[in-house]
Amino acid sequence: MKVNNGNPVAKKGILKIIGGQWRSRHIDVVEENGLRPTPNRVRETLFNWLQTYMFNSRCLDLFAGSGALSFEAASRGAKFVVQIENNAAACRALQKNAEKLAASQIQLVQFDATHFLEKMQPYQFDVVFIDPPFGLDLVTKCCELLEKNNWLAPYAKIYIETETNLTLEHLPESWQLLKSKTAGAVAYRLFEVQSLHD
């Protein structure tokens, strides 16, 4: 953490958007505890999985952090993207990056992700990204709230990124695992909401 005139200033990094209309454009990333941008090769694999679903999709990025996933989604044709992030420094960076890219389809909400899912009027999303800080046991709670409070469109895709040693338990019965891989210390999975009568 740098200090400028007695005030702390968050360190910054740079992240490159991989594909779509903003391919090779750079966004600024705040280096804060718990903020962990999805690695490039993981993002590339994820959006290869999602490529037929992105155009005109409605996306929810529950722990937006750097915005790596939500900016990539918008770049690849998502029509509406909501970024949920509780860290003030990260929110400032997300807002500046959206302005730099003229990303009018992105809406930023500074809020705790689980409280957002509990308290806000639900809107049905086609794609949801769940990439929380590691070690805080947030995934199961978010999954339960997404299902219980009607945040998911029919056949919605849910991406979950966790530490490799975390076992996903008690996921909604209607979620089917489509893809699963690991990269170093990261495990990442793609689920689809299925009708129980399919």
N, C-alpha and C. Protein backbone atom coordinates (compact mmCIF):
# COMPACT_ATOMS: atom_id res chain seq x y z
N MET A 1 0.84 -1.19 0.00
CA MET A 1 0.00 0.00 0.00
C MET A 1 0.88 1.25 0.00
N LYS A 2 0.72 2.08 -1.01
CA LYS A 2 1.47 3.32 -1.06
C LYS A 2 0.78 4.38 -0.20
N VAL A 3 1.52 5.43 0.13
CA VAL A 3 0.94 6.54 0.89
C VAL A 3 1.20 7.83 0.13
N ASN A 4 0.16 8.61 -0.06
CA ASN A 4 0.26 9.87 -0.78
C ASN A 4 -0.33 10.97 0.09
N ASN A 5 0.51 11.92 0.52
CA ASN A 5 0.06 13.01 1.39
C ASN A 5 -0.65 12.48 2.64
N GLY A 6 -0.10 11.39 3.17
CA GLY A 6 -0.66 10.84 4.41
C GLY A 6 -1.84 9.93 4.21
N ASN A 7 -2.36 9.82 2.96
CA ASN A 7 -3.51 8.96 2.69
C ASN A 7 -3.07 7.71 1.96
N PRO A 8 -3.59 6.55 2.34
CA PRO A 8 -3.21 5.32 1.65
C PRO A 8 -3.73 5.31 0.21
N VAL A 9 -2.90 4.85 -0.69
CA VAL A 9 -3.27 4.73 -2.09
C VAL A 9 -3.04 3.28 -2.51
N ALA A 10 -4.07 2.63 -3.00
CA ALA A 10 -3.95 1.22 -3.36
C ALA A 10 -3.01 1.05 -4.55
N LYS A 11 -2.20 0.00 -4.49
CA LYS A 11 -1.34 -0.34 -5.62
C LYS A 11 -2.20 -0.82 -6.78
N LYS A 12 -1.70 -0.60 -8.00
CA LYS A 12 -2.47 -0.98 -9.17
C LYS A 12 -1.68 -1.93 -10.06
N GLY A 13 -2.42 -2.79 -10.73
CA GLY A 13 -1.85 -3.63 -11.76
C GLY A 13 -2.65 -3.42 -13.03
N ILE A 14 -2.32 -4.21 -14.05
CA ILE A 14 -3.00 -4.09 -15.34
C ILE A 14 -3.43 -5.47 -15.80
N LEU A 15 -4.62 -5.55 -16.38
CA LEU A 15 -5.15 -6.81 -16.87
C LEU A 15 -5.62 -6.59 -18.31
N LYS A 16 -5.38 -7.56 -19.17
CA LYS A 16 -5.76 -7.44 -20.58
C LYS A 16 -7.01 -8.25 -20.87
N ILE A 17 -7.95 -7.64 -21.57
CA ILE A 17 -9.15 -8.34 -22.02
C ILE A 17 -8.76 -9.25 -23.18
N ILE A 18 -9.23 -10.49 -23.14
CA ILE A 18 -8.74 -11.51 -24.07
C ILE A 18 -9.47 -11.51 -25.41
N GLY A 19 -10.80 -11.33 -25.40
CA GLY A 19 -11.55 -11.46 -26.65
C GLY A 19 -12.68 -10.46 -26.77
N GLY A 20 -13.31 -10.45 -27.96
CA GLY A 20 -14.46 -9.58 -28.18
C GLY A 20 -14.08 -8.19 -28.65
N GLN A 21 -15.02 -7.25 -28.51
CA GLN A 21 -14.84 -5.91 -29.06
C GLN A 21 -13.71 -5.14 -28.38
N TRP A 22 -13.41 -5.48 -27.14
CA TRP A 22 -12.31 -4.79 -26.43
C TRP A 22 -11.07 -5.65 -26.34
N ARG A 23 -10.93 -6.60 -27.22
CA ARG A 23 -9.77 -7.49 -27.21
C ARG A 23 -8.47 -6.69 -27.19
N SER A 24 -7.58 -7.08 -26.29
CA SER A 24 -6.25 -6.47 -26.09
C SER A 24 -6.30 -5.11 -25.39
N ARG A 25 -7.50 -4.62 -25.05
CA ARG A 25 -7.58 -3.40 -24.24
C ARG A 25 -7.19 -3.74 -22.81
N HIS A 26 -6.61 -2.76 -22.11
CA HIS A 26 -6.17 -2.98 -20.74
C HIS A 26 -7.09 -2.29 -19.75
N ILE A 27 -7.30 -2.93 -18.62
CA ILE A 27 -8.02 -2.31 -17.51
C ILE A 27 -7.12 -2.29 -16.30
N ASP A 28 -7.31 -1.28 -15.47
CA ASP A 28 -6.52 -1.14 -14.24
C ASP A 28 -7.11 -2.02 -13.15
N VAL A 29 -6.23 -2.64 -12.39
CA VAL A 29 -6.65 -3.55 -11.31
C VAL A 29 -6.04 -3.07 -10.00
N VAL A 30 -6.88 -2.90 -9.00
CA VAL A 30 -6.40 -2.52 -7.67
C VAL A 30 -5.90 -3.76 -6.95
N GLU A 31 -4.73 -3.67 -6.36
CA GLU A 31 -4.16 -4.80 -5.62
C GLU A 31 -4.52 -4.66 -4.15
N GLU A 32 -5.61 -5.33 -3.78
CA GLU A 32 -6.12 -5.29 -2.41
C GLU A 32 -6.22 -6.73 -1.89
N ASN A 33 -6.16 -6.89 -0.59
CA ASN A 33 -6.30 -8.22 0.00
C ASN A 33 -7.63 -8.85 -0.40
N GLY A 34 -7.58 -10.10 -0.84
CA GLY A 34 -8.80 -10.81 -1.21
C GLY A 34 -9.21 -10.63 -2.66
N LEU A 35 -8.63 -9.65 -3.35
CA LEU A 35 -8.97 -9.44 -4.76
C LEU A 35 -7.98 -10.23 -5.61
N ARG A 36 -8.50 -11.17 -6.37
CA ARG A 36 -7.66 -12.13 -7.08
C ARG A 36 -8.21 -12.31 -8.49
N PRO A 37 -7.66 -11.55 -9.47
CA PRO A 37 -8.18 -11.67 -10.84
C PRO A 37 -8.07 -13.10 -11.36
N THR A 38 -9.10 -13.54 -12.06
CA THR A 38 -9.08 -14.87 -12.67
C THR A 38 -7.93 -14.94 -13.67
N PRO A 39 -7.06 -15.95 -13.56
CA PRO A 39 -5.90 -16.04 -14.46
C PRO A 39 -6.31 -16.08 -15.94
N ASN A 40 -5.43 -15.57 -16.80
CA ASN A 40 -5.73 -15.48 -18.23
C ASN A 40 -6.15 -16.82 -18.83
N ARG A 41 -5.41 -17.88 -18.53
CA ARG A 41 -5.74 -19.15 -19.18
C ARG A 41 -7.05 -19.72 -18.66
N VAL A 42 -7.40 -19.40 -17.42
CA VAL A 42 -8.70 -19.83 -16.89
C VAL A 42 -9.82 -19.06 -17.57
N ARG A 43 -9.62 -17.75 -17.72
CA ARG A 43 -10.63 -16.93 -18.42
C ARG A 43 -10.83 -17.42 -19.86
N GLU A 44 -9.71 -17.71 -20.52
CA GLU A 44 -9.81 -18.17 -21.91
C GLU A 44 -10.61 -19.46 -22.01
N THR A 45 -10.34 -20.41 -21.11
CA THR A 45 -11.08 -21.66 -21.10
C THR A 45 -12.55 -21.42 -20.78
N LEU A 46 -12.82 -20.61 -19.77
CA LEU A 46 -14.20 -20.32 -19.38
C LEU A 46 -15.00 -19.75 -20.54
N PHE A 47 -14.45 -18.76 -21.21
CA PHE A 47 -15.23 -18.11 -22.27
C PHE A 47 -15.28 -18.95 -23.54
N ASN A 48 -14.39 -19.92 -23.69
CA ASN A 48 -14.59 -20.93 -24.73
C ASN A 48 -15.80 -21.79 -24.38
N TRP A 49 -15.94 -22.14 -23.10
CA TRP A 49 -17.12 -22.89 -22.66
C TRP A 49 -18.41 -22.11 -22.90
N LEU A 50 -18.34 -20.80 -22.68
CA LEU A 50 -19.54 -19.95 -22.72
C LEU A 50 -19.80 -19.29 -24.06
N GLN A 51 -18.97 -19.54 -25.06
CA GLN A 51 -19.02 -18.72 -26.26
C GLN A 51 -20.38 -18.72 -26.95
N THR A 52 -21.11 -19.83 -26.90
CA THR A 52 -22.41 -19.86 -27.57
C THR A 52 -23.53 -19.25 -26.72
N TYR A 53 -23.22 -18.87 -25.49
CA TYR A 53 -24.24 -18.33 -24.59
C TYR A 53 -24.11 -16.83 -24.32
N MET A 54 -22.99 -16.21 -24.73
CA MET A 54 -22.71 -14.85 -24.28
C MET A 54 -23.53 -13.78 -24.99
N PHE A 55 -23.76 -13.91 -26.29
CA PHE A 55 -24.40 -12.83 -27.03
C PHE A 55 -25.81 -12.57 -26.50
N ASN A 56 -26.06 -11.30 -26.18
CA ASN A 56 -27.35 -10.85 -25.64
C ASN A 56 -27.70 -11.44 -24.28
N SER A 57 -26.71 -11.99 -23.59
CA SER A 57 -26.99 -12.57 -22.26
C SER A 57 -27.05 -11.49 -21.19
N ARG A 58 -27.67 -11.85 -20.07
CA ARG A 58 -27.72 -11.01 -18.87
C ARG A 58 -26.82 -11.67 -17.83
N CYS A 59 -25.79 -10.96 -17.39
CA CYS A 59 -24.75 -11.54 -16.54
C CYS A 59 -24.68 -10.87 -15.17
N LEU A 60 -24.44 -11.67 -14.16
CA LEU A 60 -24.25 -11.19 -12.80
C LEU A 60 -22.89 -11.63 -12.31
N ASP A 61 -22.05 -10.66 -11.92
CA ASP A 61 -20.71 -10.94 -11.39
C ASP A 61 -20.73 -10.62 -9.90
N LEU A 62 -20.86 -11.67 -9.06
CA LEU A 62 -21.17 -11.46 -7.65
C LEU A 62 -20.00 -10.93 -6.82
N PHE A 63 -18.79 -11.24 -7.19
CA PHE A 63 -17.62 -10.73 -6.48
C PHE A 63 -16.70 -10.13 -7.56
N ALA A 64 -17.10 -8.98 -8.08
CA ALA A 64 -16.51 -8.47 -9.32
C ALA A 64 -15.01 -8.24 -9.21
N GLY A 65 -14.54 -7.74 -8.06
CA GLY A 65 -13.10 -7.55 -7.86
C GLY A 65 -12.46 -6.71 -8.95
N SER A 66 -11.63 -7.33 -9.76
CA SER A 66 -10.94 -6.63 -10.85
C SER A 66 -11.87 -6.36 -12.02
N GLY A 67 -12.98 -7.07 -12.10
CA GLY A 67 -13.86 -6.97 -13.26
C GLY A 67 -13.43 -7.86 -14.41
N ALA A 68 -12.45 -8.73 -14.17
CA ALA A 68 -11.92 -9.58 -15.24
C ALA A 68 -13.02 -10.36 -15.96
N LEU A 69 -13.95 -10.93 -15.21
CA LEU A 69 -14.99 -11.75 -15.81
C LEU A 69 -16.10 -10.91 -16.43
N SER A 70 -16.53 -9.87 -15.74
CA SER A 70 -17.65 -9.09 -16.25
C SER A 70 -17.27 -8.22 -17.45
N PHE A 71 -16.06 -7.65 -17.46
CA PHE A 71 -15.64 -6.90 -18.64
C PHE A 71 -15.44 -7.83 -19.84
N GLU A 72 -14.94 -9.02 -19.57
CA GLU A 72 -14.77 -10.00 -20.65
C GLU A 72 -16.14 -10.39 -21.22
N ALA A 73 -17.12 -10.58 -20.34
CA ALA A 73 -18.47 -10.94 -20.78
C ALA A 73 -19.07 -9.83 -21.64
N ALA A 74 -18.93 -8.59 -21.18
CA ALA A 74 -19.46 -7.46 -21.94
C ALA A 74 -18.75 -7.32 -23.29
N SER A 75 -17.46 -7.54 -23.28
CA SER A 75 -16.68 -7.46 -24.52
C SER A 75 -17.16 -8.49 -25.54
N ARG A 76 -17.65 -9.62 -25.04
CA ARG A 76 -18.05 -10.72 -25.93
C ARG A 76 -19.55 -10.72 -26.22
N GLY A 77 -20.24 -9.63 -25.95
CA GLY A 77 -21.61 -9.49 -26.42
C GLY A 77 -22.71 -9.56 -25.40
N ALA A 78 -22.40 -9.68 -24.10
CA ALA A 78 -23.46 -9.64 -23.09
C ALA A 78 -24.18 -8.28 -23.17
N LYS A 79 -25.50 -8.31 -23.10
CA LYS A 79 -26.25 -7.06 -23.27
C LYS A 79 -26.44 -6.30 -21.95
N PHE A 80 -26.29 -7.01 -20.83
CA PHE A 80 -26.52 -6.39 -19.52
C PHE A 80 -25.67 -7.12 -18.51
N VAL A 81 -24.82 -6.38 -17.80
CA VAL A 81 -23.89 -6.98 -16.83
C VAL A 81 -23.97 -6.19 -15.53
N VAL A 82 -24.20 -6.90 -14.43
CA VAL A 82 -24.23 -6.27 -13.10
C VAL A 82 -23.00 -6.74 -12.34
N GLN A 83 -22.20 -5.78 -11.89
CA GLN A 83 -21.03 -6.06 -11.05
C GLN A 83 -21.37 -5.77 -9.60
N ILE A 84 -21.19 -6.76 -8.73
CA ILE A 84 -21.40 -6.58 -7.29
C ILE A 84 -20.03 -6.61 -6.62
N GLU A 85 -19.68 -5.56 -5.92
CA GLU A 85 -18.38 -5.49 -5.26
C GLU A 85 -18.51 -4.62 -4.01
N ASN A 86 -17.93 -5.10 -2.90
CA ASN A 86 -18.05 -4.40 -1.62
C ASN A 86 -16.84 -3.52 -1.30
N ASN A 87 -15.72 -3.76 -1.97
CA ASN A 87 -14.48 -3.02 -1.68
C ASN A 87 -14.51 -1.67 -2.40
N ALA A 88 -14.37 -0.59 -1.63
CA ALA A 88 -14.52 0.75 -2.19
C ALA A 88 -13.45 1.06 -3.24
N ALA A 89 -12.20 0.68 -2.97
CA ALA A 89 -11.12 0.94 -3.92
C ALA A 89 -11.36 0.17 -5.21
N ALA A 90 -11.79 -1.07 -5.10
CA ALA A 90 -12.09 -1.87 -6.29
C ALA A 90 -13.24 -1.26 -7.07
N CYS A 91 -14.25 -0.74 -6.37
CA CYS A 91 -15.38 -0.12 -7.05
C CYS A 91 -14.96 1.12 -7.83
N ARG A 92 -14.07 1.91 -7.26
CA ARG A 92 -13.58 3.09 -7.98
C ARG A 92 -12.87 2.67 -9.27
N ALA A 93 -12.06 1.62 -9.19
CA ALA A 93 -11.35 1.14 -10.37
C ALA A 93 -12.33 0.58 -11.40
N LEU A 94 -13.32 -0.17 -10.94
CA LEU A 94 -14.33 -0.71 -11.86
C LEU A 94 -15.07 0.41 -12.58
N GLN A 95 -15.43 1.45 -11.85
CA GLN A 95 -16.15 2.58 -12.45
C GLN A 95 -15.29 3.28 -13.50
N LYS A 96 -14.02 3.50 -13.18
CA LYS A 96 -13.12 4.17 -14.13
C LYS A 96 -12.90 3.31 -15.37
N ASN A 97 -12.78 2.01 -15.19
CA ASN A 97 -12.59 1.13 -16.33
C ASN A 97 -13.82 1.10 -17.23
N ALA A 98 -15.01 1.09 -16.62
CA ALA A 98 -16.24 1.12 -17.41
C ALA A 98 -16.35 2.41 -18.21
N GLU A 99 -15.95 3.52 -17.59
CA GLU A 99 -15.97 4.80 -18.30
C GLU A 99 -14.96 4.81 -19.44
N LYS A 100 -13.77 4.26 -19.19
CA LYS A 100 -12.72 4.22 -20.22
C LYS A 100 -13.17 3.41 -21.43
N LEU A 101 -13.92 2.32 -21.19
CA LEU A 101 -14.38 1.45 -22.27
C LEU A 101 -15.73 1.88 -22.83
N ALA A 102 -16.33 2.91 -22.24
CA ALA A 102 -17.69 3.33 -22.62
C ALA A 102 -18.65 2.14 -22.53
N ALA A 103 -18.54 1.41 -21.42
CA ALA A 103 -19.29 0.17 -21.23
C ALA A 103 -20.66 0.49 -20.62
N SER A 104 -21.57 0.98 -21.43
CA SER A 104 -22.88 1.41 -20.93
C SER A 104 -23.74 0.24 -20.49
N GLN A 105 -23.40 -0.98 -20.91
CA GLN A 105 -24.19 -2.15 -20.53
C GLN A 105 -23.83 -2.67 -19.15
N ILE A 106 -22.83 -2.07 -18.50
CA ILE A 106 -22.40 -2.53 -17.18
C ILE A 106 -22.95 -1.63 -16.08
N GLN A 107 -23.55 -2.25 -15.08
CA GLN A 107 -24.05 -1.53 -13.90
C GLN A 107 -23.26 -2.01 -12.68
N LEU A 108 -22.69 -1.08 -11.95
CA LEU A 108 -21.90 -1.39 -10.76
C LEU A 108 -22.72 -1.13 -9.50
N VAL A 109 -22.74 -2.11 -8.60
CA VAL A 109 -23.43 -1.98 -7.32
C VAL A 109 -22.43 -2.25 -6.21
N GLN A 110 -22.18 -1.25 -5.35
CA GLN A 110 -21.28 -1.45 -4.21
C GLN A 110 -22.09 -2.01 -3.06
N PHE A 111 -21.93 -3.33 -2.85
CA PHE A 111 -22.78 -4.02 -1.88
C PHE A 111 -22.16 -5.37 -1.57
N ASP A 112 -22.44 -5.90 -0.41
CA ASP A 112 -22.05 -7.26 -0.08
C ASP A 112 -22.86 -8.24 -0.93
N ALA A 113 -22.19 -9.23 -1.52
CA ALA A 113 -22.86 -10.11 -2.48
C ALA A 113 -24.00 -10.90 -1.87
N THR A 114 -23.79 -11.49 -0.68
CA THR A 114 -24.86 -12.29 -0.09
C THR A 114 -26.03 -11.41 0.33
N HIS A 115 -25.74 -10.22 0.84
CA HIS A 115 -26.83 -9.30 1.20
C HIS A 115 -27.60 -8.85 -0.03
N PHE A 116 -26.89 -8.64 -1.12
CA PHE A 116 -27.54 -8.28 -2.38
C PHE A 116 -28.55 -9.36 -2.78
N LEU A 117 -28.13 -10.62 -2.73
CA LEU A 117 -29.01 -11.72 -3.12
C LEU A 117 -30.18 -11.90 -2.16
N GLU A 118 -29.97 -11.51 -0.90
CA GLU A 118 -31.02 -11.63 0.11
C GLU A 118 -32.04 -10.51 0.03
N LYS A 119 -31.58 -9.27 -0.22
CA LYS A 119 -32.41 -8.09 0.01
C LYS A 119 -32.94 -7.42 -1.24
N MET A 120 -32.28 -7.58 -2.38
CA MET A 120 -32.67 -6.86 -3.58
C MET A 120 -33.77 -7.58 -4.34
N GLN A 121 -34.53 -6.80 -5.11
CA GLN A 121 -35.56 -7.38 -5.97
C GLN A 121 -34.89 -8.26 -7.03
N PRO A 122 -35.24 -9.53 -7.10
CA PRO A 122 -34.53 -10.42 -8.03
C PRO A 122 -34.82 -10.10 -9.49
N TYR A 123 -33.80 -10.35 -10.29
CA TYR A 123 -33.86 -10.21 -11.75
C TYR A 123 -33.21 -11.46 -12.30
N GLN A 124 -33.77 -12.05 -13.30
CA GLN A 124 -33.26 -13.34 -13.77
C GLN A 124 -32.08 -13.17 -14.72
N PHE A 125 -30.98 -13.83 -14.36
CA PHE A 125 -29.75 -13.75 -15.14
C PHE A 125 -29.50 -15.06 -15.89
N ASP A 126 -28.86 -14.92 -17.05
CA ASP A 126 -28.52 -16.07 -17.88
C ASP A 126 -27.17 -16.68 -17.49
N VAL A 127 -26.26 -15.83 -17.02
CA VAL A 127 -24.92 -16.27 -16.63
C VAL A 127 -24.56 -15.60 -15.30
N VAL A 128 -24.08 -16.39 -14.35
CA VAL A 128 -23.65 -15.86 -13.05
C VAL A 128 -22.22 -16.30 -12.78
N PHE A 129 -21.39 -15.35 -12.37
CA PHE A 129 -20.01 -15.64 -11.99
C PHE A 129 -19.89 -15.58 -10.48
N ILE A 130 -19.38 -16.64 -9.87
CA ILE A 130 -19.14 -16.68 -8.42
C ILE A 130 -17.66 -16.95 -8.20
N ASP A 131 -16.93 -15.92 -7.87
CA ASP A 131 -15.47 -16.01 -7.68
C ASP A 131 -15.10 -15.24 -6.42
N PRO A 132 -15.48 -15.77 -5.25
CA PRO A 132 -15.28 -15.02 -4.00
C PRO A 132 -13.85 -15.12 -3.49
N PRO A 133 -13.50 -14.26 -2.53
CA PRO A 133 -12.20 -14.44 -1.86
C PRO A 133 -12.12 -15.84 -1.27
N PHE A 134 -10.95 -16.42 -1.35
CA PHE A 134 -10.78 -17.77 -0.83
C PHE A 134 -10.85 -17.80 0.69
N GLY A 135 -11.27 -18.93 1.22
CA GLY A 135 -11.21 -19.18 2.66
C GLY A 135 -12.34 -18.59 3.48
N LEU A 136 -13.38 -18.02 2.83
CA LEU A 136 -14.46 -17.38 3.59
C LEU A 136 -15.78 -18.15 3.52
N ASP A 137 -15.79 -19.27 2.82
CA ASP A 137 -16.97 -20.15 2.78
C ASP A 137 -18.22 -19.41 2.29
N LEU A 138 -18.09 -18.71 1.16
CA LEU A 138 -19.18 -17.90 0.64
C LEU A 138 -19.95 -18.58 -0.49
N VAL A 139 -19.37 -19.61 -1.08
CA VAL A 139 -19.96 -20.18 -2.29
C VAL A 139 -21.33 -20.82 -2.03
N THR A 140 -21.42 -21.69 -1.03
CA THR A 140 -22.66 -22.41 -0.77
C THR A 140 -23.81 -21.45 -0.48
N LYS A 141 -23.55 -20.44 0.31
CA LYS A 141 -24.58 -19.45 0.66
C LYS A 141 -25.09 -18.73 -0.59
N CYS A 142 -24.16 -18.32 -1.46
CA CYS A 142 -24.56 -17.64 -2.69
C CYS A 142 -25.40 -18.55 -3.58
N CYS A 143 -24.99 -19.79 -3.70
CA CYS A 143 -25.74 -20.74 -4.54
C CYS A 143 -27.15 -20.95 -4.01
N GLU A 144 -27.27 -21.09 -2.69
CA GLU A 144 -28.59 -21.27 -2.09
C GLU A 144 -29.49 -20.07 -2.36
N LEU A 145 -28.94 -18.86 -2.22
CA LEU A 145 -29.73 -17.64 -2.41
C LEU A 145 -30.11 -17.42 -3.87
N LEU A 146 -29.20 -17.75 -4.78
CA LEU A 146 -29.52 -17.64 -6.21
C LEU A 146 -30.74 -18.49 -6.55
N GLU A 147 -30.74 -19.70 -6.04
CA GLU A 147 -31.83 -20.63 -6.33
C GLU A 147 -33.11 -20.25 -5.58
N LYS A 148 -32.98 -20.00 -4.30
CA LYS A 148 -34.14 -19.74 -3.44
C LYS A 148 -34.88 -18.46 -3.83
N ASN A 149 -34.13 -17.42 -4.18
CA ASN A 149 -34.73 -16.11 -4.42
C ASN A 149 -34.96 -15.80 -5.90
N ASN A 150 -34.86 -16.82 -6.74
CA ASN A 150 -35.30 -16.70 -8.14
C ASN A 150 -34.46 -15.73 -8.97
N TRP A 151 -33.13 -15.84 -8.85
CA TRP A 151 -32.22 -14.99 -9.62
C TRP A 151 -31.82 -15.63 -10.95
N LEU A 152 -32.19 -16.86 -11.20
CA LEU A 152 -31.65 -17.58 -12.35
C LEU A 152 -32.70 -17.81 -13.42
N ALA A 153 -32.34 -17.45 -14.65
CA ALA A 153 -33.20 -17.74 -15.80
C ALA A 153 -33.19 -19.24 -16.07
N PRO A 154 -34.19 -19.75 -16.81
CA PRO A 154 -34.15 -21.16 -17.18
C PRO A 154 -32.86 -21.50 -17.92
N TYR A 155 -32.24 -22.59 -17.52
CA TYR A 155 -30.99 -23.07 -18.12
C TYR A 155 -29.83 -22.08 -17.96
N ALA A 156 -29.88 -21.30 -16.90
CA ALA A 156 -28.78 -20.37 -16.61
C ALA A 156 -27.49 -21.14 -16.40
N LYS A 157 -26.37 -20.48 -16.72
CA LYS A 157 -25.04 -21.05 -16.51
C LYS A 157 -24.43 -20.37 -15.28
N ILE A 158 -23.86 -21.16 -14.39
CA ILE A 158 -23.23 -20.62 -13.18
C ILE A 158 -21.78 -21.06 -13.16
N TYR A 159 -20.88 -20.08 -13.14
CA TYR A 159 -19.45 -20.34 -13.06
C TYR A 159 -19.00 -20.17 -11.62
N ILE A 160 -18.28 -21.17 -11.09
CA ILE A 160 -17.79 -21.12 -9.71
C ILE A 160 -16.29 -21.35 -9.71
N GLU A 161 -15.57 -20.40 -9.10
CA GLU A 161 -14.11 -20.50 -8.99
C GLU A 161 -13.73 -20.56 -7.52
N THR A 162 -12.98 -21.59 -7.14
CA THR A 162 -12.63 -21.79 -5.73
C THR A 162 -11.18 -22.28 -5.62
N GLU A 163 -10.72 -22.39 -4.38
CA GLU A 163 -9.47 -23.06 -4.12
C GLU A 163 -9.65 -24.56 -4.41
N THR A 164 -8.59 -25.23 -4.84
CA THR A 164 -8.71 -26.61 -5.30
C THR A 164 -9.16 -27.57 -4.20
N ASN A 165 -8.86 -27.26 -2.94
CA ASN A 165 -9.20 -28.20 -1.86
C ASN A 165 -10.60 -27.99 -1.30
N LEU A 166 -11.38 -27.08 -1.91
CA LEU A 166 -12.73 -26.85 -1.43
C LEU A 166 -13.70 -27.80 -2.12
N THR A 167 -14.45 -28.55 -1.34
CA THR A 167 -15.46 -29.45 -1.87
C THR A 167 -16.80 -28.72 -1.91
N LEU A 168 -17.42 -28.71 -3.08
CA LEU A 168 -18.73 -28.05 -3.21
C LEU A 168 -19.81 -29.03 -2.76
N GLU A 169 -20.46 -28.67 -1.68
CA GLU A 169 -21.52 -29.52 -1.13
C GLU A 169 -22.82 -28.74 -1.06
N HIS A 170 -23.92 -29.48 -1.06
CA HIS A 170 -25.25 -28.89 -0.87
C HIS A 170 -25.62 -27.88 -1.96
N LEU A 171 -25.17 -28.13 -3.18
CA LEU A 171 -25.61 -27.29 -4.29
C LEU A 171 -27.05 -27.66 -4.65
N PRO A 172 -27.79 -26.73 -5.25
CA PRO A 172 -29.17 -27.03 -5.61
C PRO A 172 -29.27 -28.30 -6.48
N GLU A 173 -30.31 -29.05 -6.24
CA GLU A 173 -30.48 -30.35 -6.92
C GLU A 173 -30.59 -30.21 -8.43
N SER A 174 -31.10 -29.06 -8.88
CA SER A 174 -31.34 -28.87 -10.31
C SER A 174 -30.10 -28.41 -11.08
N TRP A 175 -28.96 -28.23 -10.40
CA TRP A 175 -27.75 -27.77 -11.08
C TRP A 175 -26.95 -28.96 -11.59
N GLN A 176 -26.66 -28.94 -12.87
CA GLN A 176 -25.87 -30.02 -13.48
C GLN A 176 -24.47 -29.50 -13.81
N LEU A 177 -23.45 -30.24 -13.43
CA LEU A 177 -22.08 -29.88 -13.74
C LEU A 177 -21.81 -30.13 -15.22
N LEU A 178 -21.41 -29.07 -15.95
CA LEU A 178 -21.09 -29.19 -17.37
C LEU A 178 -19.60 -29.38 -17.61
N LYS A 179 -18.79 -28.56 -16.91
CA LYS A 179 -17.35 -28.57 -17.12
C LYS A 179 -16.65 -28.36 -15.78
N SER A 180 -15.43 -28.92 -15.68
CA SER A 180 -14.65 -28.76 -14.46
C SER A 180 -13.17 -28.90 -14.78
N LYS A 181 -12.35 -27.97 -14.28
CA LYS A 181 -10.91 -28.05 -14.50
C LYS A 181 -10.19 -27.44 -13.29
N THR A 182 -8.90 -27.67 -13.21
CA THR A 182 -8.06 -27.01 -12.22
C THR A 182 -6.87 -26.37 -12.92
N ALA A 183 -6.36 -25.31 -12.31
CA ALA A 183 -5.16 -24.63 -12.81
C ALA A 183 -4.40 -24.13 -11.59
N GLY A 184 -3.30 -24.82 -11.24
CA GLY A 184 -2.55 -24.44 -10.05
C GLY A 184 -3.41 -24.61 -8.81
N ALA A 185 -3.57 -23.52 -8.06
CA ALA A 185 -4.35 -23.57 -6.82
C ALA A 185 -5.83 -23.28 -7.03
N VAL A 186 -6.25 -23.16 -8.29
CA VAL A 186 -7.62 -22.76 -8.61
C VAL A 186 -8.40 -23.92 -9.23
N ALA A 187 -9.61 -24.15 -8.71
CA ALA A 187 -10.55 -25.07 -9.34
C ALA A 187 -11.69 -24.25 -9.91
N TYR A 188 -12.11 -24.60 -11.11
CA TYR A 188 -13.21 -23.83 -11.71
C TYR A 188 -14.19 -24.77 -12.42
N ARG A 189 -15.47 -24.44 -12.27
CA ARG A 189 -16.54 -25.33 -12.72
C ARG A 189 -17.66 -24.52 -13.35
N LEU A 190 -18.32 -25.14 -14.31
CA LEU A 190 -19.48 -24.51 -14.95
C LEU A 190 -20.68 -25.42 -14.77
N PHE A 191 -21.75 -24.86 -14.20
CA PHE A 191 -23.00 -25.58 -13.98
C PHE A 191 -24.11 -25.00 -14.86
N GLU A 192 -25.12 -25.82 -15.09
CA GLU A 192 -26.32 -25.36 -15.78
C GLU A 192 -27.54 -25.72 -14.96
N VAL A 193 -28.50 -24.78 -14.89
CA VAL A 193 -29.74 -25.06 -14.19
C VAL A 193 -30.61 -25.93 -15.10
N GLN A 194 -30.97 -27.10 -14.59
CA GLN A 194 -31.82 -28.03 -15.34
C GLN A 194 -33.20 -28.10 -14.69
N SER A 195 -34.20 -28.29 -15.51
CA SER A 195 -35.51 -28.60 -14.96
C SER A 195 -35.45 -29.98 -14.33
N LEU A 196 -36.03 -30.13 -13.17
CA LEU A 196 -36.03 -31.43 -12.51
C LEU A 196 -36.84 -32.47 -13.32
N HIS A 197 -37.58 -31.99 -14.31
CA HIS A 197 -38.39 -32.89 -15.13
C HIS A 197 -37.76 -33.18 -16.48
N ASP A 198 -36.55 -32.61 -16.73
CA ASP A 198 -35.86 -32.88 -18.00
C ASP A 198 -35.46 -34.34 -18.10
